[in-house]
N, C-alpha and C. Protein backbone atom coordinates (compact mmCIF):
# COMPACT_ATOMS: atom_id res chain seq x y z
N PRO A 1 0.83 -1.20 0.00
CA PRO A 1 0.00 0.00 0.00
C PRO A 1 0.87 1.26 0.00
N GLU A 2 0.38 2.31 -0.64
CA GLU A 2 1.17 3.53 -0.76
C GLU A 2 1.48 4.17 0.58
N THR A 3 0.64 3.92 1.58
CA THR A 3 0.87 4.55 2.89
C THR A 3 2.04 3.93 3.64
N VAL A 4 2.42 2.68 3.31
CA VAL A 4 3.47 1.98 4.06
C VAL A 4 4.83 2.69 3.93
N PRO A 5 5.33 2.94 2.71
CA PRO A 5 6.62 3.64 2.64
C PRO A 5 6.57 5.04 3.23
N HIS A 6 5.41 5.70 3.12
CA HIS A 6 5.27 7.03 3.70
C HIS A 6 5.41 6.97 5.22
N LEU A 7 4.69 6.03 5.85
CA LEU A 7 4.75 5.88 7.29
C LEU A 7 6.12 5.39 7.75
N LEU A 8 6.73 4.51 6.96
CA LEU A 8 8.06 4.00 7.30
C LEU A 8 9.08 5.14 7.28
N GLY A 9 9.03 5.97 6.25
CA GLY A 9 9.95 7.09 6.15
C GLY A 9 9.77 8.07 7.29
N ARG A 10 8.51 8.40 7.60
CA ARG A 10 8.23 9.32 8.71
C ARG A 10 8.69 8.72 10.05
N GLY A 11 8.44 7.42 10.21
CA GLY A 11 8.85 6.76 11.45
C GLY A 11 10.35 6.77 11.64
N LEU A 12 11.10 6.49 10.56
CA LEU A 12 12.56 6.51 10.65
C LEU A 12 13.08 7.91 10.92
N PHE A 13 12.46 8.92 10.28
CA PHE A 13 12.92 10.30 10.43
C PHE A 13 12.68 10.83 11.84
N TRP A 14 11.48 10.58 12.38
CA TRP A 14 11.10 11.17 13.66
C TRP A 14 11.45 10.30 14.86
N VAL A 15 11.56 8.96 14.67
CA VAL A 15 11.79 8.08 15.81
C VAL A 15 13.05 7.23 15.61
N GLY A 16 13.11 6.47 14.53
CA GLY A 16 14.19 5.50 14.34
C GLY A 16 15.59 6.10 14.38
N MET A 17 15.86 7.05 13.51
CA MET A 17 17.20 7.65 13.45
C MET A 17 17.53 8.45 14.71
N PRO A 18 16.61 9.26 15.24
CA PRO A 18 16.95 9.97 16.48
C PRO A 18 17.31 9.03 17.63
N VAL A 19 16.58 7.92 17.77
CA VAL A 19 16.89 6.97 18.85
C VAL A 19 18.27 6.36 18.64
N GLU A 20 18.59 5.99 17.39
CA GLU A 20 19.90 5.40 17.10
C GLU A 20 21.02 6.40 17.38
N ILE A 21 20.85 7.63 16.90
CA ILE A 21 21.87 8.66 17.10
C ILE A 21 22.03 8.98 18.59
N PHE A 22 20.92 9.04 19.30
CA PHE A 22 20.96 9.30 20.74
C PHE A 22 21.77 8.24 21.45
N ASP A 23 21.51 6.97 21.14
CA ASP A 23 22.22 5.87 21.80
C ASP A 23 23.70 5.86 21.43
N LEU A 24 24.01 6.04 20.14
CA LEU A 24 25.41 6.04 19.70
C LEU A 24 26.18 7.21 20.33
N ALA A 25 25.53 8.37 20.40
CA ALA A 25 26.19 9.54 21.00
C ALA A 25 26.46 9.31 22.49
N ARG A 26 25.55 8.60 23.17
CA ARG A 26 25.74 8.31 24.61
C ARG A 26 26.88 7.33 24.83
N ARG A 27 27.06 6.37 23.90
CA ARG A 27 28.03 5.29 24.12
C ARG A 27 29.39 5.56 23.49
N THR A 28 29.49 6.58 22.64
CA THR A 28 30.74 6.82 21.92
C THR A 28 31.76 7.51 22.82
N ASP A 29 32.97 6.94 22.84
CA ASP A 29 34.07 7.54 23.59
C ASP A 29 34.75 8.57 22.69
N PHE A 30 34.57 9.84 23.00
CA PHE A 30 35.10 10.90 22.15
C PHE A 30 36.54 11.27 22.48
N SER A 31 37.15 10.54 23.39
CA SER A 31 38.51 10.91 23.80
C SER A 31 39.58 10.38 22.86
N HIS A 32 39.28 9.33 22.09
CA HIS A 32 40.28 8.73 21.21
C HIS A 32 40.13 9.28 19.79
N LEU A 33 41.14 9.98 19.34
CA LEU A 33 41.16 10.52 17.98
C LEU A 33 39.83 11.17 17.62
N VAL A 34 39.34 12.02 18.49
CA VAL A 34 38.02 12.62 18.30
C VAL A 34 37.94 13.45 17.04
N TRP A 35 39.06 13.98 16.59
CA TRP A 35 39.07 14.85 15.42
C TRP A 35 38.96 14.08 14.10
N LEU A 36 39.29 12.77 14.13
CA LEU A 36 39.38 12.02 12.88
C LEU A 36 38.04 11.87 12.17
N ALA A 37 37.00 11.55 12.91
CA ALA A 37 35.68 11.34 12.29
C ALA A 37 35.12 12.61 11.66
N PRO A 38 35.10 13.75 12.37
CA PRO A 38 34.58 14.96 11.73
C PRO A 38 35.40 15.39 10.52
N VAL A 39 36.73 15.26 10.60
CA VAL A 39 37.59 15.66 9.47
C VAL A 39 37.29 14.78 8.26
N ALA A 40 37.21 13.47 8.48
CA ALA A 40 36.91 12.55 7.37
C ALA A 40 35.53 12.83 6.79
N THR A 41 34.56 13.05 7.66
CA THR A 41 33.19 13.31 7.21
C THR A 41 33.11 14.56 6.37
N VAL A 42 33.63 15.67 6.90
CA VAL A 42 33.56 16.95 6.18
C VAL A 42 34.34 16.88 4.87
N THR A 43 35.50 16.21 4.87
CA THR A 43 36.30 16.08 3.65
C THR A 43 35.53 15.35 2.56
N VAL A 44 34.93 14.22 2.92
CA VAL A 44 34.16 13.44 1.95
C VAL A 44 32.98 14.23 1.40
N LEU A 45 32.24 14.88 2.31
CA LEU A 45 31.05 15.64 1.90
C LEU A 45 31.41 16.84 1.02
N MET A 46 32.43 17.59 1.42
CA MET A 46 32.81 18.79 0.67
C MET A 46 33.38 18.42 -0.70
N PHE A 47 34.11 17.31 -0.78
CA PHE A 47 34.64 16.87 -2.07
C PHE A 47 33.50 16.53 -3.03
N GLY A 48 32.54 15.74 -2.54
CA GLY A 48 31.40 15.38 -3.39
C GLY A 48 30.57 16.59 -3.78
N LEU A 49 30.34 17.50 -2.83
CA LEU A 49 29.57 18.70 -3.11
C LEU A 49 30.29 19.59 -4.11
N GLY A 50 31.61 19.72 -3.95
CA GLY A 50 32.39 20.54 -4.88
C GLY A 50 32.35 20.00 -6.30
N VAL A 51 32.50 18.69 -6.43
CA VAL A 51 32.46 18.07 -7.77
C VAL A 51 31.08 18.25 -8.40
N ALA A 52 30.03 18.04 -7.61
CA ALA A 52 28.66 18.15 -8.13
C ALA A 52 28.36 19.57 -8.60
N LEU A 53 28.67 20.56 -7.77
CA LEU A 53 28.39 21.95 -8.15
C LEU A 53 29.25 22.39 -9.32
N SER A 54 30.49 21.90 -9.39
CA SER A 54 31.36 22.23 -10.52
C SER A 54 30.80 21.68 -11.83
N LEU A 55 30.32 20.44 -11.78
CA LEU A 55 29.75 19.84 -12.99
C LEU A 55 28.49 20.56 -13.44
N LEU A 56 27.69 21.05 -12.49
CA LEU A 56 26.50 21.83 -12.86
C LEU A 56 26.91 23.13 -13.55
N GLN A 57 27.98 23.77 -13.07
CA GLN A 57 28.48 24.99 -13.71
C GLN A 57 29.02 24.70 -15.10
N VAL A 58 29.75 23.59 -15.22
CA VAL A 58 30.28 23.19 -16.54
C VAL A 58 29.13 22.94 -17.50
N ASN A 59 28.07 22.28 -17.02
CA ASN A 59 26.93 21.97 -17.87
C ASN A 59 26.22 23.24 -18.35
N GLN A 60 26.23 24.30 -17.53
CA GLN A 60 25.60 25.54 -17.96
C GLN A 60 26.38 26.21 -19.08
N ARG A 61 27.72 26.17 -18.98
CA ARG A 61 28.55 26.81 -20.01
C ARG A 61 28.72 25.92 -21.24
N TRP A 62 29.02 24.66 -20.99
CA TRP A 62 29.21 23.70 -22.07
C TRP A 62 28.33 22.49 -21.78
N PRO A 63 27.12 22.45 -22.35
CA PRO A 63 26.20 21.34 -22.07
C PRO A 63 26.87 19.99 -22.25
N LEU A 64 26.50 19.07 -21.38
CA LEU A 64 27.20 17.78 -21.34
C LEU A 64 26.79 16.84 -22.47
N THR A 65 26.72 17.39 -23.68
CA THR A 65 26.43 16.54 -24.84
C THR A 65 27.61 15.65 -25.17
N TRP A 66 28.79 16.00 -24.63
CA TRP A 66 29.97 15.17 -24.86
C TRP A 66 29.89 13.84 -24.14
N LEU A 67 28.85 13.67 -23.32
CA LEU A 67 28.65 12.38 -22.67
C LEU A 67 27.92 11.40 -23.58
N GLY A 68 27.59 11.85 -24.80
CA GLY A 68 26.92 10.98 -25.75
C GLY A 68 25.42 11.01 -25.65
N LEU A 69 24.85 12.04 -25.00
CA LEU A 69 23.41 12.12 -24.81
C LEU A 69 22.70 12.83 -25.96
N ARG A 70 23.43 13.50 -26.83
CA ARG A 70 22.80 14.27 -27.90
C ARG A 70 22.00 13.35 -28.81
N GLY A 71 20.74 13.70 -28.98
CA GLY A 71 19.88 12.95 -29.89
C GLY A 71 19.37 11.64 -29.33
N LYS A 72 19.72 11.32 -28.08
CA LYS A 72 19.28 10.07 -27.47
C LYS A 72 18.01 10.29 -26.67
N GLN A 73 17.31 9.20 -26.40
CA GLN A 73 16.12 9.27 -25.57
C GLN A 73 16.53 9.55 -24.13
N PRO A 74 15.97 10.57 -23.47
CA PRO A 74 16.37 10.86 -22.10
C PRO A 74 15.93 9.76 -21.15
N PHE A 75 16.72 9.53 -20.13
CA PHE A 75 16.40 8.51 -19.14
C PHE A 75 15.18 8.94 -18.35
N SER A 76 14.32 7.99 -18.05
CA SER A 76 13.13 8.31 -17.26
C SER A 76 12.87 7.20 -16.25
N LEU A 77 12.47 7.61 -15.05
CA LEU A 77 12.07 6.63 -14.05
C LEU A 77 10.71 6.04 -14.38
N TYR A 78 10.00 6.69 -15.31
CA TYR A 78 8.66 6.26 -15.69
C TYR A 78 8.64 6.03 -17.20
N PRO A 79 9.21 4.92 -17.68
CA PRO A 79 9.33 4.69 -19.11
C PRO A 79 8.00 4.57 -19.84
N ASP A 80 6.91 4.29 -19.09
CA ASP A 80 5.62 4.18 -19.76
C ASP A 80 5.04 5.54 -20.10
N LYS A 81 5.60 6.60 -19.50
CA LYS A 81 5.14 7.94 -19.82
C LYS A 81 5.82 8.41 -21.10
N SER A 82 5.06 9.05 -21.94
CA SER A 82 5.63 9.53 -23.20
C SER A 82 6.41 10.80 -22.95
N HIS A 83 7.59 10.89 -23.60
CA HIS A 83 8.37 12.12 -23.53
C HIS A 83 9.17 12.24 -24.82
N SER A 84 9.48 13.45 -25.18
CA SER A 84 10.16 13.68 -26.45
C SER A 84 11.65 13.43 -26.31
N SER A 85 12.27 13.11 -27.44
CA SER A 85 13.70 12.88 -27.45
C SER A 85 14.44 14.20 -27.32
N VAL A 86 15.68 14.12 -26.91
CA VAL A 86 16.51 15.31 -26.83
C VAL A 86 16.94 15.68 -28.24
N SER A 87 16.69 16.89 -28.60
CA SER A 87 17.01 17.32 -29.96
C SER A 87 18.49 17.66 -30.07
N GLU A 88 18.94 17.84 -31.31
CA GLU A 88 20.32 18.18 -31.55
C GLU A 88 20.69 19.52 -30.92
N ASP A 89 19.72 20.43 -30.84
CA ASP A 89 19.98 21.76 -30.33
C ASP A 89 19.73 21.89 -28.83
N SER A 90 19.33 20.78 -28.22
CA SER A 90 19.00 20.85 -26.80
C SER A 90 20.25 21.09 -25.97
N THR A 91 20.10 21.89 -24.92
CA THR A 91 21.22 22.15 -24.02
C THR A 91 21.16 21.26 -22.79
N LEU A 92 20.22 20.33 -22.78
CA LEU A 92 20.07 19.41 -21.65
C LEU A 92 19.94 20.16 -20.33
N ASP A 93 19.11 21.21 -20.34
CA ASP A 93 18.88 21.98 -19.13
C ASP A 93 18.21 21.10 -18.08
N LEU A 94 18.67 21.22 -16.87
CA LEU A 94 18.08 20.47 -15.77
C LEU A 94 17.18 21.40 -14.98
N ASN A 95 16.03 20.87 -14.55
CA ASN A 95 15.19 21.70 -13.69
C ASN A 95 15.73 21.64 -12.27
N SER A 96 15.12 22.40 -11.37
CA SER A 96 15.63 22.53 -10.01
C SER A 96 15.65 21.19 -9.27
N ALA A 97 14.59 20.39 -9.44
CA ALA A 97 14.53 19.09 -8.75
C ALA A 97 15.63 18.16 -9.25
N GLN A 98 15.91 18.17 -10.56
CA GLN A 98 16.96 17.32 -11.11
C GLN A 98 18.33 17.76 -10.61
N LYS A 99 18.54 19.06 -10.53
CA LYS A 99 19.81 19.57 -9.99
C LYS A 99 19.98 19.13 -8.54
N GLY A 100 18.91 19.28 -7.75
CA GLY A 100 18.98 18.88 -6.35
C GLY A 100 19.27 17.40 -6.18
N SER A 101 18.61 16.57 -6.98
CA SER A 101 18.83 15.12 -6.90
C SER A 101 20.26 14.77 -7.28
N PHE A 102 20.78 15.43 -8.31
CA PHE A 102 22.15 15.19 -8.74
C PHE A 102 23.15 15.58 -7.64
N VAL A 103 22.95 16.76 -7.06
CA VAL A 103 23.86 17.23 -6.01
C VAL A 103 23.81 16.30 -4.80
N LEU A 104 22.60 15.86 -4.41
CA LEU A 104 22.47 14.96 -3.26
C LEU A 104 23.17 13.62 -3.51
N SER A 105 22.94 13.03 -4.68
CA SER A 105 23.53 11.71 -4.95
C SER A 105 25.05 11.80 -5.07
N ALA A 106 25.55 12.90 -5.66
CA ALA A 106 26.99 13.04 -5.80
C ALA A 106 27.66 13.37 -4.47
N THR A 107 26.95 14.09 -3.61
CA THR A 107 27.53 14.50 -2.33
C THR A 107 27.47 13.38 -1.31
N LEU A 108 26.30 12.77 -1.16
CA LEU A 108 26.11 11.77 -0.11
C LEU A 108 26.52 10.38 -0.56
N GLY A 109 26.10 10.00 -1.78
CA GLY A 109 26.43 8.67 -2.27
C GLY A 109 26.08 7.62 -1.24
N ASN A 110 27.03 6.74 -0.96
CA ASN A 110 26.82 5.70 0.06
C ASN A 110 27.91 5.80 1.12
N THR A 111 28.37 7.05 1.34
CA THR A 111 29.54 7.23 2.20
C THR A 111 29.23 7.19 3.68
N GLY A 112 27.95 7.24 4.06
CA GLY A 112 27.63 7.32 5.48
C GLY A 112 27.31 6.01 6.15
N PHE A 113 27.20 4.94 5.38
CA PHE A 113 26.76 3.67 5.95
C PHE A 113 27.97 2.79 6.23
N VAL A 114 28.44 2.85 7.47
CA VAL A 114 29.64 2.13 7.86
C VAL A 114 29.36 0.64 8.05
N GLY A 115 28.15 0.31 8.47
CA GLY A 115 27.83 -1.09 8.77
C GLY A 115 28.29 -1.42 10.18
N LEU A 116 27.67 -0.76 11.16
CA LEU A 116 28.13 -0.89 12.55
C LEU A 116 27.98 -2.31 13.09
N ALA A 117 27.01 -3.05 12.60
CA ALA A 117 26.85 -4.43 13.08
C ALA A 117 28.07 -5.27 12.71
N ILE A 118 28.62 -5.04 11.53
CA ILE A 118 29.83 -5.76 11.11
C ILE A 118 31.05 -5.16 11.78
N ALA A 119 31.09 -3.81 11.83
CA ALA A 119 32.25 -3.13 12.42
C ALA A 119 32.49 -3.56 13.85
N ALA A 120 31.41 -3.81 14.60
CA ALA A 120 31.55 -4.18 16.02
C ALA A 120 32.28 -5.50 16.19
N THR A 121 32.25 -6.38 15.18
CA THR A 121 32.90 -7.68 15.30
C THR A 121 34.36 -7.66 14.89
N ILE A 122 34.80 -6.60 14.20
CA ILE A 122 36.18 -6.58 13.70
C ILE A 122 37.02 -5.44 14.26
N LEU A 123 36.39 -4.50 14.98
CA LEU A 123 37.13 -3.36 15.51
C LEU A 123 37.23 -3.44 17.03
N SER A 124 38.34 -2.93 17.55
CA SER A 124 38.48 -2.83 19.00
C SER A 124 37.53 -1.75 19.52
N PRO A 125 37.23 -1.75 20.80
CA PRO A 125 36.27 -0.78 21.34
C PRO A 125 36.64 0.67 21.05
N GLU A 126 37.94 1.03 21.17
CA GLU A 126 38.32 2.42 20.92
C GLU A 126 38.16 2.80 19.45
N ASN A 127 38.45 1.85 18.54
CA ASN A 127 38.25 2.13 17.12
C ASN A 127 36.78 2.07 16.74
N MET A 128 36.01 1.29 17.46
CA MET A 128 34.58 1.25 17.24
C MET A 128 33.97 2.62 17.53
N GLY A 129 34.54 3.30 18.52
CA GLY A 129 34.09 4.65 18.83
C GLY A 129 34.26 5.59 17.65
N ILE A 130 35.38 5.45 16.93
CA ILE A 130 35.62 6.30 15.76
C ILE A 130 34.61 5.99 14.66
N ALA A 131 34.34 4.69 14.44
CA ALA A 131 33.37 4.29 13.41
C ALA A 131 31.98 4.80 13.75
N ALA A 132 31.61 4.67 15.02
CA ALA A 132 30.30 5.15 15.44
C ALA A 132 30.21 6.67 15.32
N PHE A 133 31.29 7.36 15.69
CA PHE A 133 31.31 8.82 15.61
C PHE A 133 31.23 9.27 14.16
N TYR A 134 31.90 8.54 13.24
CA TYR A 134 31.80 8.87 11.82
C TYR A 134 30.36 8.74 11.35
N THR A 135 29.69 7.67 11.75
CA THR A 135 28.29 7.47 11.39
C THR A 135 27.42 8.61 11.92
N VAL A 136 27.65 8.96 13.18
CA VAL A 136 26.89 10.05 13.79
C VAL A 136 27.14 11.36 13.04
N MET A 137 28.41 11.66 12.78
CA MET A 137 28.77 12.90 12.09
C MET A 137 28.19 12.95 10.68
N HIS A 138 28.22 11.82 9.99
CA HIS A 138 27.69 11.81 8.63
C HIS A 138 26.18 12.01 8.64
N ASN A 139 25.51 11.44 9.62
CA ASN A 139 24.06 11.65 9.70
C ASN A 139 23.74 13.10 10.04
N ILE A 140 24.52 13.69 10.97
CA ILE A 140 24.26 15.06 11.38
C ILE A 140 24.63 16.03 10.26
N PHE A 141 25.88 15.96 9.80
CA PHE A 141 26.37 16.92 8.80
C PHE A 141 25.96 16.56 7.38
N GLY A 142 25.85 15.24 7.12
CA GLY A 142 25.56 14.79 5.76
C GLY A 142 24.09 14.70 5.46
N LEU A 143 23.48 13.58 5.88
CA LEU A 143 22.08 13.33 5.55
C LEU A 143 21.16 14.43 6.04
N TYR A 144 21.31 14.81 7.31
CA TYR A 144 20.38 15.78 7.89
C TYR A 144 20.96 17.18 8.00
N GLY A 145 22.15 17.38 7.46
CA GLY A 145 22.75 18.70 7.40
C GLY A 145 22.77 19.19 5.96
N VAL A 146 23.79 18.75 5.23
CA VAL A 146 23.90 19.10 3.81
C VAL A 146 22.68 18.61 3.04
N GLY A 147 22.22 17.39 3.37
CA GLY A 147 21.07 16.82 2.65
C GLY A 147 19.82 17.66 2.76
N VAL A 148 19.49 18.06 3.98
CA VAL A 148 18.30 18.89 4.20
C VAL A 148 18.49 20.26 3.57
N PHE A 149 19.68 20.82 3.70
CA PHE A 149 19.97 22.15 3.14
C PHE A 149 19.80 22.14 1.62
N VAL A 150 20.39 21.14 0.95
CA VAL A 150 20.29 21.04 -0.51
C VAL A 150 18.85 20.77 -0.94
N SER A 151 18.18 19.85 -0.24
CA SER A 151 16.79 19.53 -0.59
C SER A 151 15.89 20.74 -0.46
N HIS A 152 16.06 21.49 0.61
CA HIS A 152 15.23 22.68 0.81
C HIS A 152 15.55 23.75 -0.24
N HIS A 153 16.85 23.91 -0.54
CA HIS A 153 17.25 24.94 -1.51
C HIS A 153 16.70 24.64 -2.90
N TYR A 154 16.91 23.41 -3.39
CA TYR A 154 16.46 23.06 -4.74
C TYR A 154 14.98 22.70 -4.80
N GLY A 155 14.36 22.50 -3.65
CA GLY A 155 12.95 22.13 -3.63
C GLY A 155 12.02 23.32 -3.56
N GLN A 156 12.57 24.52 -3.50
CA GLN A 156 11.75 25.72 -3.42
C GLN A 156 10.99 25.93 -4.72
N THR A 157 9.70 26.21 -4.61
CA THR A 157 8.92 26.54 -5.80
C THR A 157 9.19 27.98 -6.21
N SER A 158 9.51 28.81 -5.22
CA SER A 158 9.83 30.20 -5.51
C SER A 158 11.28 30.31 -5.94
N THR A 159 11.56 31.26 -6.81
CA THR A 159 12.93 31.48 -7.25
C THR A 159 13.76 32.14 -6.16
N GLU A 160 13.09 32.70 -5.15
CA GLU A 160 13.79 33.35 -4.05
C GLU A 160 13.97 32.35 -2.91
N SER A 161 15.11 31.69 -2.91
CA SER A 161 15.43 30.74 -1.85
C SER A 161 16.56 31.32 -1.02
N ARG A 162 16.26 31.69 0.20
CA ARG A 162 17.28 32.30 1.05
C ARG A 162 17.99 31.23 1.85
N TRP A 163 19.31 31.40 2.00
CA TRP A 163 20.12 30.38 2.66
C TRP A 163 19.69 30.17 4.11
N TRP A 164 19.25 31.24 4.78
CA TRP A 164 18.90 31.10 6.19
C TRP A 164 17.63 30.26 6.36
N GLN A 165 16.75 30.24 5.34
CA GLN A 165 15.57 29.39 5.42
C GLN A 165 15.97 27.92 5.40
N SER A 166 16.96 27.59 4.58
CA SER A 166 17.47 26.22 4.53
C SER A 166 18.15 25.86 5.84
N LEU A 167 18.86 26.83 6.43
CA LEU A 167 19.53 26.58 7.70
C LEU A 167 18.53 26.31 8.81
N VAL A 168 17.41 27.03 8.80
CA VAL A 168 16.35 26.79 9.79
C VAL A 168 15.81 25.38 9.67
N GLU A 169 15.67 24.89 8.42
CA GLU A 169 15.18 23.52 8.22
C GLU A 169 16.14 22.50 8.82
N VAL A 170 17.45 22.77 8.71
CA VAL A 170 18.44 21.86 9.29
C VAL A 170 18.32 21.85 10.81
N ILE A 171 18.15 23.02 11.40
CA ILE A 171 18.06 23.13 12.86
C ILE A 171 16.84 22.40 13.40
N LYS A 172 15.78 22.30 12.61
CA LYS A 172 14.55 21.66 13.05
C LYS A 172 14.61 20.13 12.97
N VAL A 173 15.67 19.58 12.39
CA VAL A 173 15.77 18.13 12.22
C VAL A 173 15.94 17.46 13.58
N PRO A 174 15.12 16.44 13.91
CA PRO A 174 15.18 15.82 15.24
C PRO A 174 16.49 15.11 15.54
N THR A 175 17.19 14.64 14.53
CA THR A 175 18.45 13.93 14.77
C THR A 175 19.51 14.84 15.38
N VAL A 176 19.51 16.10 14.98
CA VAL A 176 20.46 17.06 15.54
C VAL A 176 20.27 17.17 17.04
N TRP A 177 19.01 17.29 17.46
CA TRP A 177 18.71 17.41 18.89
C TRP A 177 18.97 16.09 19.62
N ALA A 178 18.76 14.97 18.94
CA ALA A 178 19.05 13.67 19.56
C ALA A 178 20.54 13.53 19.85
N PHE A 179 21.37 14.01 18.93
CA PHE A 179 22.83 13.96 19.14
C PHE A 179 23.23 14.82 20.34
N ILE A 180 22.70 16.04 20.39
CA ILE A 180 23.02 16.95 21.50
C ILE A 180 22.59 16.34 22.83
N LEU A 181 21.39 15.77 22.88
CA LEU A 181 20.90 15.14 24.10
C LEU A 181 21.74 13.92 24.48
N GLY A 182 22.14 13.14 23.48
CA GLY A 182 22.95 11.95 23.75
C GLY A 182 24.29 12.31 24.36
N VAL A 183 24.97 13.31 23.80
CA VAL A 183 26.26 13.73 24.33
C VAL A 183 26.11 14.32 25.73
N SER A 184 25.07 15.11 25.92
CA SER A 184 24.90 15.80 27.20
C SER A 184 24.41 14.88 28.32
N THR A 185 23.97 13.67 27.99
CA THR A 185 23.49 12.74 29.04
C THR A 185 24.43 11.55 29.23
N GLN A 186 25.66 11.64 28.71
CA GLN A 186 26.60 10.53 28.86
C GLN A 186 26.90 10.23 30.32
N PHE A 187 26.90 11.24 31.17
CA PHE A 187 27.24 11.04 32.57
C PHE A 187 26.08 10.49 33.39
N LEU A 188 24.88 10.46 32.80
CA LEU A 188 23.72 9.95 33.53
C LEU A 188 23.59 8.44 33.37
N GLU A 189 23.12 7.79 34.41
CA GLU A 189 22.84 6.35 34.32
C GLU A 189 21.34 6.15 34.29
N PHE A 190 20.87 5.59 33.18
CA PHE A 190 19.46 5.28 33.05
C PHE A 190 19.18 3.93 33.69
N PRO A 191 17.92 3.65 34.02
CA PRO A 191 17.57 2.29 34.49
C PRO A 191 18.00 1.24 33.47
N GLN A 192 18.31 0.06 33.95
CA GLN A 192 18.88 -0.97 33.08
C GLN A 192 17.98 -1.31 31.90
N PHE A 193 16.67 -1.36 32.13
CA PHE A 193 15.77 -1.72 31.02
C PHE A 193 15.77 -0.64 29.93
N VAL A 194 16.00 0.63 30.33
CA VAL A 194 16.09 1.71 29.34
C VAL A 194 17.36 1.55 28.52
N GLU A 195 18.49 1.31 29.20
CA GLU A 195 19.76 1.13 28.50
C GLU A 195 19.70 -0.07 27.54
N THR A 196 19.12 -1.16 28.01
CA THR A 196 19.00 -2.35 27.17
C THR A 196 18.11 -2.08 25.96
N SER A 197 17.01 -1.39 26.20
CA SER A 197 16.09 -1.07 25.09
C SER A 197 16.77 -0.19 24.05
N LEU A 198 17.55 0.79 24.50
CA LEU A 198 18.26 1.66 23.57
C LEU A 198 19.26 0.88 22.73
N ASP A 199 20.03 -0.01 23.42
CA ASP A 199 21.02 -0.81 22.70
C ASP A 199 20.35 -1.71 21.67
N GLN A 200 19.24 -2.33 22.04
CA GLN A 200 18.53 -3.22 21.12
C GLN A 200 17.91 -2.45 19.97
N SER A 201 17.48 -1.24 20.23
CA SER A 201 16.81 -0.45 19.19
C SER A 201 17.75 -0.12 18.03
N VAL A 202 19.05 0.04 18.35
CA VAL A 202 20.03 0.32 17.29
C VAL A 202 20.09 -0.84 16.30
N TRP A 203 20.09 -2.07 16.84
CA TRP A 203 20.14 -3.23 15.95
C TRP A 203 18.83 -3.46 15.25
């Protein structure tokens, strides 16, 4: 049913991911090489973002017909829908949603999924902290930071998209607050059933 993926997405956004980030932030030891995860995360994200935005600029000046797309049928996620072929004179202009999707896929890719269930079996506890922190940082800065910012910017129906509006959308993301709460409650001891439930919820 169409409602299932909608409810699943909303559930993961508002409950699933915040609970996971909260638990990982509480259990992560930030004393060992604490700088490594944020540096790696920001480097990966900025590299992908830089390449994506550069290619969009190149496409505006010199349309990417050199990729062999001139005169070919454009790719469609809905092949049963009729659409016209790209003409010889087409500049392959992308609309705002296509630009946003391109920037998101090039920036985020699959760089944030470390596979913590596997990592826990092959890494020592101190190195596991770095892997968990990388996952947390990528979710905060990547998926729910850069991702929300780019989605809001390119998803605007109005041509006037102000950067601070996108920033407000990032601040409203529940995962950001879950991370802050997780770090700030590391010194607290919850009842055992709460701790166990949090640990199980991650898996």
